[in-house]
Amino acid sequence: MRISIIEELTAAPIPPRSNILVEFDADSQWYNTSFTLAADWMKQGGTVSYNLLMRSPEKLRSTLEKHGLDVGELEENDKFRVQDYYTATLGKSSSEIHGWRSLKIHDMSVEFARVAFGSEPESGLLRIWDNMSVLGRFNEDKTWVEFMLSRGLPLGIGLGATTLHGIVNGVHESWVYKRLEDAHDGIVDVRVGNDGKDLIRVRSMREVGFDRKWHELTISPNLEVSLGK
């Protein structure tokens, strides 16, 4: 299996257990790109655990159905897992199987420890965090960054997963980005160019060769994203 779009810009597959940081402009196509990555991965037979902080589970499912997926069947077969943090940001209780009650780091640490203790590594697992910057609404930057470095990244490695962590450009102090960049195995940028085109590039990748040039993204009517020709 391959991570579409991103691995079209690398010389070889990204190894499992890699943590990739995606730094995106707020007006970019990162969210639709992440939905496309998730859909393509599941179409190849892989499992996706999607961590929602900025979109509701209903919107995620609706978009994936536009990609031609039978979301209900995928969830029934445990090939698609919605990790719902979004509902907690509204001060409500989630009805999802994987619904998180709080975005306070103390509470998340307890839950992460429970997941780590009760889980075995699995092959073919892709984890996507749509927007880690949301954690900054509920915690000091130093607190949530240290949590991601000491709990979040190691958890993905322990699960045997490839993990994509999205973070918004320009909303944190520069040290936040530097600390996270140093801890990740690769960095991907998603932005809008001066000419209004949607762009992506692989800025860094430690384990494989890569193409650092900017590439245009194309968005189809069903919101599927692909590299421009």
Protein backbone atom coordinates (compact mmCIF):
# COMPACT_ATOMS: atom_id res chain seq x y z
CA MET A 1 0.00 0.00 0.00
CA ARG A 2 1.09 3.56 -0.57
CA ILE A 3 0.05 6.98 0.70
CA SER A 4 -1.31 8.59 -2.45
CA ILE A 5 -0.07 12.06 -3.45
CA ILE A 6 2.72 12.10 -0.83
CA GLU A 7 4.39 8.87 -1.98
CA GLU A 8 4.10 10.05 -5.56
CA LEU A 9 6.77 12.55 -4.48
CA THR A 10 9.10 10.06 -2.77
CA ALA A 11 11.61 7.70 -4.33
CA ALA A 12 10.44 4.73 -2.24
CA PRO A 13 7.60 3.83 0.15
CA ILE A 14 7.56 5.59 3.51
CA PRO A 15 8.38 2.93 6.14
CA PRO A 16 5.65 1.90 8.60
CA ARG A 17 5.95 3.45 12.08
CA SER A 18 6.93 6.79 10.50
CA ASN A 19 5.55 10.06 11.86
CA ILE A 20 4.99 12.74 9.21
CA LEU A 21 4.25 16.37 10.06
CA VAL A 22 1.94 18.22 7.67
CA GLU A 23 2.15 22.02 7.99
CA PHE A 24 -0.77 23.62 6.17
CA ASP A 25 -2.19 27.05 5.46
CA ALA A 26 -5.64 27.59 6.92
CA ASP A 27 -7.06 28.28 3.45
CA SER A 28 -5.33 25.31 1.81
CA GLN A 29 -6.79 22.00 0.63
CA TRP A 30 -5.28 19.95 3.48
CA TYR A 31 -8.59 18.67 4.80
CA ASN A 32 -9.78 17.44 1.42
CA THR A 33 -6.31 16.06 0.77
CA SER A 34 -6.41 14.14 4.05
CA PHE A 35 -9.82 12.68 3.16
CA THR A 36 -8.41 11.55 -0.19
CA LEU A 37 -5.39 9.94 1.49
CA ALA A 38 -7.73 8.08 3.86
CA ALA A 39 -10.05 6.94 1.07
CA ASP A 40 -7.23 5.74 -1.19
CA TRP A 41 -5.59 3.86 1.67
CA MET A 42 -8.79 1.97 2.47
CA LYS A 43 -9.39 1.22 -1.21
CA GLN A 44 -6.03 -0.57 -1.14
CA GLY A 45 -7.19 -2.72 1.78
CA GLY A 46 -5.57 -0.78 4.62
CA THR A 47 -7.04 0.44 7.90
CA VAL A 48 -7.50 4.13 8.70
CA SER A 49 -7.81 5.69 12.14
CA TYR A 50 -8.87 9.30 11.56
CA ASN A 51 -8.49 11.72 14.49
CA LEU A 52 -11.05 14.49 14.07
CA LEU A 53 -10.49 17.80 15.82
CA MET A 54 -11.90 20.26 13.25
CA ARG A 55 -14.66 18.37 11.42
CA SER A 56 -17.64 16.41 12.62
CA PRO A 57 -17.82 12.63 12.11
CA GLU A 58 -20.87 13.13 9.90
CA LYS A 59 -18.99 15.42 7.50
CA LEU A 60 -16.09 12.98 7.33
CA ARG A 61 -18.34 10.03 6.53
CA SER A 62 -20.26 12.04 3.94
CA THR A 63 -17.07 13.06 2.14
CA LEU A 64 -15.69 9.51 2.12
CA GLU A 65 -18.95 8.25 0.65
CA LYS A 66 -18.48 10.73 -2.21
CA HIS A 67 -15.21 8.89 -2.87
CA GLY A 68 -17.21 5.71 -3.48
CA LEU A 69 -16.63 4.01 -0.12
CA ASP A 70 -19.16 1.97 1.83
CA VAL A 71 -18.30 3.65 5.12
CA GLY A 72 -20.73 1.57 7.19
CA GLU A 73 -19.20 -1.69 6.01
CA LEU A 74 -15.68 -0.42 6.58
CA GLU A 75 -16.52 0.56 10.15
CA GLU A 76 -18.28 -2.75 10.78
CA ASN A 77 -15.14 -4.58 9.63
CA ASP A 78 -12.91 -2.30 11.75
CA LYS A 79 -11.13 -0.98 8.66
CA PHE A 80 -12.19 2.58 9.43
CA ARG A 81 -12.12 4.15 12.89
CA VAL A 82 -13.38 7.62 13.68
CA GLN A 83 -11.51 9.08 16.64
CA ASP A 84 -13.89 11.86 17.65
CA TYR A 85 -12.24 14.71 19.51
CA TYR A 86 -14.37 17.27 17.67
CA THR A 87 -17.50 16.75 19.79
CA ALA A 88 -15.47 17.40 22.97
CA THR A 89 -14.44 20.81 21.56
CA LEU A 90 -18.15 21.71 21.62
CA GLY A 91 -18.48 20.71 25.28
CA LYS A 92 -20.64 17.71 24.42
CA SER A 93 -20.38 13.95 24.86
CA SER A 94 -19.59 11.93 21.76
CA SER A 95 -21.78 9.03 20.66
CA GLU A 96 -18.92 7.52 18.66
CA ILE A 97 -17.34 4.21 19.60
CA HIS A 98 -14.00 6.02 19.78
CA GLY A 99 -15.28 9.24 21.34
CA TRP A 100 -12.86 11.26 23.44
CA ARG A 101 -14.23 13.13 26.44
CA SER A 102 -11.67 15.89 26.79
CA LEU A 103 -8.79 17.66 25.04
CA LYS A 104 -7.09 18.51 28.31
CA ILE A 105 -3.67 16.85 28.26
CA HIS A 106 -4.09 15.25 31.69
CA ASP A 107 -7.24 13.47 30.50
CA MET A 108 -5.75 12.54 27.13
CA SER A 109 -2.65 11.06 28.80
CA VAL A 110 -4.82 8.64 30.76
CA GLU A 111 -6.66 7.56 27.61
CA PHE A 112 -3.47 7.24 25.57
CA ALA A 113 -1.96 5.01 28.25
CA ARG A 114 -5.07 2.81 28.16
CA VAL A 115 -4.92 2.50 24.36
CA ALA A 116 -1.18 1.78 24.39
CA PHE A 117 -1.55 -0.89 27.06
CA GLY A 118 -4.44 -2.67 25.35
CA SER A 119 -3.28 -2.61 21.73
CA GLU A 120 -1.00 -4.73 19.59
CA PRO A 121 0.91 -3.50 16.52
CA GLU A 122 -0.98 -4.03 13.28
CA SER A 123 0.16 -3.87 9.68
CA GLY A 124 -1.46 -1.57 7.16
CA LEU A 125 -2.57 1.08 9.65
CA LEU A 126 -2.67 4.76 8.65
CA ARG A 127 -3.41 7.34 11.37
CA ILE A 128 -4.38 10.89 10.42
CA TRP A 129 -4.72 13.87 12.77
CA ASP A 130 -6.52 16.62 10.89
CA ASN A 131 -5.40 19.57 13.03
CA MET A 132 -3.25 19.30 16.16
CA SER A 133 -3.34 23.09 16.56
CA VAL A 134 -6.77 22.67 18.17
CA LEU A 135 -4.97 21.30 21.23
CA GLY A 136 -3.62 24.81 21.74
CA ARG A 137 -7.14 26.03 22.51
CA PHE A 138 -7.30 23.84 25.62
CA ASN A 139 -3.67 23.66 26.74
CA GLU A 140 -0.51 25.75 26.89
CA ASP A 141 1.70 25.12 23.86
CA LYS A 142 4.52 23.67 25.96
CA THR A 143 2.11 21.21 27.55
CA TRP A 144 0.55 19.80 24.40
CA VAL A 145 3.83 19.76 22.44
CA GLU A 146 5.53 17.74 25.18
CA PHE A 147 2.52 15.43 25.25
CA MET A 148 2.78 14.79 21.52
CA LEU A 149 6.52 14.17 21.77
CA SER A 150 6.31 11.84 24.77
CA ARG A 151 2.94 10.15 24.14
CA GLY A 152 1.48 10.89 20.71
CA LEU A 153 4.39 10.00 18.45
CA PRO A 154 5.48 6.93 20.47
CA LEU A 155 1.89 5.64 20.46
CA GLY A 156 1.81 5.61 16.67
CA ILE A 157 5.12 3.81 16.55
CA GLY A 158 3.90 1.25 19.07
CA LEU A 159 0.77 0.63 17.03
CA GLY A 160 2.90 -0.07 13.95
CA ALA A 161 1.21 2.78 12.12
CA THR A 162 2.23 5.46 9.68
CA THR A 163 0.93 8.71 11.17
CA LEU A 164 0.22 12.11 9.59
CA HIS A 165 -0.01 15.01 12.05
CA GLY A 166 -1.59 18.18 10.65
CA ILE A 167 -0.75 21.59 12.15
CA VAL A 168 -1.79 25.07 10.96
CA ASN A 169 0.86 27.52 9.81
CA GLY A 170 1.21 30.82 11.62
CA VAL A 171 -0.80 30.21 14.80
CA HIS A 172 2.00 29.07 17.13
CA GLU A 173 5.38 30.45 18.11
CA SER A 174 8.26 29.32 15.91
CA TRP A 175 9.71 26.98 18.55
CA VAL A 176 6.56 24.84 18.40
CA TYR A 177 7.12 24.07 14.73
CA LYS A 178 10.85 23.48 15.24
CA ARG A 179 10.33 21.03 18.09
CA LEU A 180 7.75 19.07 16.14
CA GLU A 181 9.76 19.15 12.91
CA ASP A 182 12.81 17.75 14.69
CA ALA A 183 10.78 14.88 16.18
CA HIS A 184 9.11 13.77 12.94
CA ASP A 185 10.48 11.55 10.19
CA GLY A 186 9.23 13.80 7.42
CA ILE A 187 7.64 17.20 6.76
CA VAL A 188 5.00 17.98 4.13
CA ASP A 189 3.75 21.48 3.30
CA VAL A 190 0.29 22.26 1.89
CA ARG A 191 -0.40 25.85 0.91
CA VAL A 192 -2.01 28.28 -1.51
CA GLY A 193 0.41 29.95 -3.93
CA ASN A 194 0.50 33.63 -4.83
CA ASP A 195 -1.38 32.80 -8.02
CA GLY A 196 -4.16 31.10 -6.08
CA LYS A 197 -3.12 27.56 -6.99
CA ASP A 198 -3.27 24.81 -4.39
CA LEU A 199 0.21 23.38 -3.79
CA ILE A 200 1.99 20.58 -1.96
CA ARG A 201 5.62 19.65 -1.43
CA VAL A 202 7.71 17.22 0.59
CA ARG A 203 10.09 19.49 2.50
CA SER A 204 11.96 16.71 4.29
CA MET A 205 12.00 12.92 4.54
CA ARG A 206 14.64 11.07 6.57
CA GLU A 207 14.19 7.48 5.42
CA VAL A 208 13.63 7.85 1.66
CA GLY A 209 14.59 10.13 -1.21
CA PHE A 210 12.06 12.78 -2.20
CA ASP A 211 11.13 15.55 -4.61
CA ARG A 212 11.26 18.92 -2.80
CA LYS A 213 9.64 20.96 -5.58
CA TRP A 214 6.16 22.43 -5.21
CA HIS A 215 3.43 20.56 -7.09
CA GLU A 216 -0.06 21.70 -7.94
CA LEU A 217 -3.09 19.94 -6.49
CA THR A 218 -6.25 19.34 -8.50
CA ILE A 219 -9.66 19.06 -6.81
CA SER A 220 -12.45 17.13 -8.56
CA PRO A 221 -16.20 17.80 -8.13
CA ASN A 222 -16.45 14.99 -5.53
CA LEU A 223 -13.64 16.70 -3.55
CA GLU A 224 -11.04 14.07 -4.48
CA VAL A 225 -7.56 15.59 -4.58
CA SER A 226 -4.77 14.55 -6.93
CA LEU A 227 -1.45 15.87 -8.19
CA GLY A 228 -1.80 18.16 -11.18
CA LYS A 229 -0.53 16.83 -14.48
